[in-house]
C-alpha atoms as a PDB file:
ATOM      1  CA  MET A   1      50.893 115.458 289.442  1.00  0.00           C
ATOM      2  CA  SER A   2      48.623 116.458 286.600  1.00  0.00           C
ATOM      3  CA  GLY A   3      45.356 118.225 287.334  1.00  0.00           C
ATOM      4  CA  ALA A   4      43.155 115.372 286.133  1.00  0.00           C
ATOM      5  CA  GLY A   5      45.147 112.743 288.014  1.00  0.00           C
ATOM      6  CA  LYS A   6      45.017 114.722 291.239  1.00  0.00           C
ATOM      7  CA  LYS A   7      41.271 115.166 290.830  1.00  0.00           C
ATOM      8  CA  VAL A   8      40.780 111.395 290.451  1.00  0.00           C
ATOM      9  CA  VAL A   9      42.813 110.706 293.581  1.00  0.00           C
ATOM     10  CA  ASP A  10      40.940 113.342 295.577  1.00  0.00           C
ATOM     11  CA  VAL A  11      37.524 112.018 294.521  1.00  0.00           C
ATOM     12  CA  ALA A  12      38.485 108.414 295.297  1.00  0.00           C
ATOM     13  CA  PHE A  13      39.885 109.419 298.684  1.00  0.00           C
ATOM     14  CA  LYS A  14      36.770 111.405 299.612  1.00  0.00           C
ATOM     15  CA  ALA A  15      34.498 108.591 298.414  1.00  0.00           C
ATOM     16  CA  GLY A  16      36.291 106.122 300.653  1.00  0.00           C
ATOM     17  CA  LYS A  17      35.950 108.430 303.645  1.00  0.00           C
ATOM     18  CA  SER A  18      32.250 109.141 303.095  1.00  0.00           C
ATOM     19  CA  ILE A  19      31.050 105.547 302.690  1.00  0.00           C
ATOM     20  CA  ASP A  20      29.452 104.193 305.854  1.00  0.00           C
ATOM     21  CA  TRP A  21      30.657 100.618 305.448  1.00  0.00           C
ATOM     22  CA  GLU A  22      29.676  99.618 308.980  1.00  0.00           C
ATOM     23  CA  GLY A  23      26.192 101.082 308.632  1.00  0.00           C
ATOM     24  CA  MET A  24      25.598  99.272 305.355  1.00  0.00           C
ATOM     25  CA  ALA A  25      26.934  95.999 306.785  1.00  0.00           C
ATOM     26  CA  LYS A  26      24.352  96.161 309.585  1.00  0.00           C
ATOM     27  CA  LEU A  27      21.554  96.133 306.993  1.00  0.00           C
ATOM     28  CA  LEU A  28      22.607  92.772 305.532  1.00  0.00           C
ATOM     29  CA  VAL A  29      20.716  89.713 306.718  1.00  0.00           C
ATOM     30  CA  SER A  30      22.039  86.708 304.786  1.00  0.00           C
ATOM     31  CA  ASP A  31      25.503  85.183 304.904  1.00  0.00           C
ATOM     32  CA  GLU A  32      25.718  85.357 301.109  1.00  0.00           C
ATOM     33  CA  ALA A  33      24.973  89.088 301.185  1.00  0.00           C
ATOM     34  CA  ARG A  34      27.677  89.591 303.820  1.00  0.00           C
ATOM     35  CA  LYS A  35      30.199  87.703 301.673  1.00  0.00           C
ATOM     36  CA  GLU A  36      29.317  89.755 298.592  1.00  0.00           C
ATOM     37  CA  PHE A  37      29.523  92.945 300.618  1.00  0.00           C
ATOM     38  CA  ALA A  38      32.947  91.973 301.964  1.00  0.00           C
ATOM     39  CA  THR A  39      34.086  91.326 298.393  1.00  0.00           C
ATOM     40  CA  LEU A  40      32.727  94.705 297.304  1.00  0.00           C
ATOM     41  CA  ARG A  41      34.510  96.500 300.120  1.00  0.00           C
ATOM     42  CA  ARG A  42      37.796  94.682 299.497  1.00  0.00           C
ATOM     43  CA  THR A  43      37.589  95.455 295.762  1.00  0.00           C
ATOM     44  CA  PHE A  44      36.821  99.109 296.459  1.00  0.00           C
ATOM     45  CA  ASP A  45      39.806  99.338 298.804  1.00  0.00           C
ATOM     46  CA  GLU A  46      42.090  97.716 296.205  1.00  0.00           C
ATOM     47  CA  VAL A  47      40.951 100.066 293.425  1.00  0.00           C
ATOM     48  CA  ASN A  48      41.222 103.072 295.723  1.00  0.00           C
ATOM     49  CA  SER A  49      44.732 102.036 296.735  1.00  0.00           C
ATOM     50  CA  THR A  50      45.730 101.606 293.087  1.00  0.00           C
ATOM     51  CA  LEU A  51      44.411 105.060 292.246  1.00  0.00           C
ATOM     52  CA  GLN A  52      46.216 106.594 295.204  1.00  0.00           C
ATOM     53  CA  THR A  53      49.482 104.968 294.125  1.00  0.00           C
ATOM     54  CA  LYS A  54      49.214 105.496 290.379  1.00  0.00           C
ATOM     55  CA  PHE A  55      48.115 109.100 290.362  1.00  0.00           C
ATOM     56  CA  SER A  56      50.242 110.296 293.250  1.00  0.00           C
ATOM     57  CA  GLN A  57      53.409 109.889 291.180  1.00  0.00           C
ATOM     58  CA  GLU A  58      54.740 112.538 288.842  1.00  0.00           C
ATOM     59  CA  PRO A  59      54.549 111.517 285.174  1.00  0.00           C
ATOM     60  CA  GLU A  60      57.767 111.042 283.252  1.00  0.00           C
ATOM     61  CA  PRO A  61      58.838 114.188 281.418  1.00  0.00           C
ATOM     62  CA  ILE A  62      57.983 114.354 277.740  1.00  0.00           C
ATOM     63  CA  ASP A  63      60.913 114.045 275.338  1.00  0.00           C
ATOM     64  CA  TRP A  64      59.874 116.801 272.945  1.00  0.00           C
ATOM     65  CA  GLU A  65      62.946 116.311 270.727  1.00  0.00           C
ATOM     66  CA  TYR A  66      61.972 112.705 270.064  1.00  0.00           C
ATOM     67  CA  TYR A  67      58.590 113.808 268.745  1.00  0.00           C
ATOM     68  CA  ARG A  68      60.076 116.682 266.729  1.00  0.00           C
ATOM     69  CA  LYS A  69      62.111 114.152 264.752  1.00  0.00           C
ATOM     70  CA  GLY A  70      59.033 112.107 263.919  1.00  0.00           C
ATOM     71  CA  ILE A  71      56.230 114.582 263.267  1.00  0.00           C
ATOM     72  CA  GLY A  72      57.787 118.016 262.862  1.00  0.00           C
ATOM     73  CA  SER A  73      58.545 121.023 265.002  1.00  0.00           C
ATOM     74  CA  ARG A  74      55.411 123.107 264.426  1.00  0.00           C
ATOM     75  CA  LEU A  75      52.987 120.474 265.637  1.00  0.00           C
ATOM     76  CA  VAL A  76      55.173 119.512 268.591  1.00  0.00           C
ATOM     77  CA  ASP A  77      55.579 123.170 269.568  1.00  0.00           C
ATOM     78  CA  MET A  78      51.784 123.586 269.534  1.00  0.00           C
ATOM     79  CA  TYR A  79      51.345 120.596 271.841  1.00  0.00           C
ATOM     80  CA  LYS A  80      54.207 121.677 274.082  1.00  0.00           C
ATOM     81  CA  GLU A  81      52.733 125.155 274.474  1.00  0.00           C
ATOM     82  CA  ALA A  82      49.288 123.739 275.293  1.00  0.00           C
ATOM     83  CA  TYR A  83      50.802 121.218 277.724  1.00  0.00           C
ATOM     84  CA  GLU A  84      52.843 123.742 279.643  1.00  0.00           C
END
């Protein structure tokens, strides 16, 4: 997993753990507020799950030869060196 992707997953995971959903739910007084809060929590869980899934996978390897054919070896070599 890339460094940036792993960082996103870690932050999302920690955010989900540190939110006191039950404590916030106790502060709500109207039924409409409870419904909106439930929607917020469900949406957060869905986004968090998507991030966990998407960024936990290894990216496909880059086909450097494909890019060498299109834009030239020097530029591709510079990017490859910076990437690795």
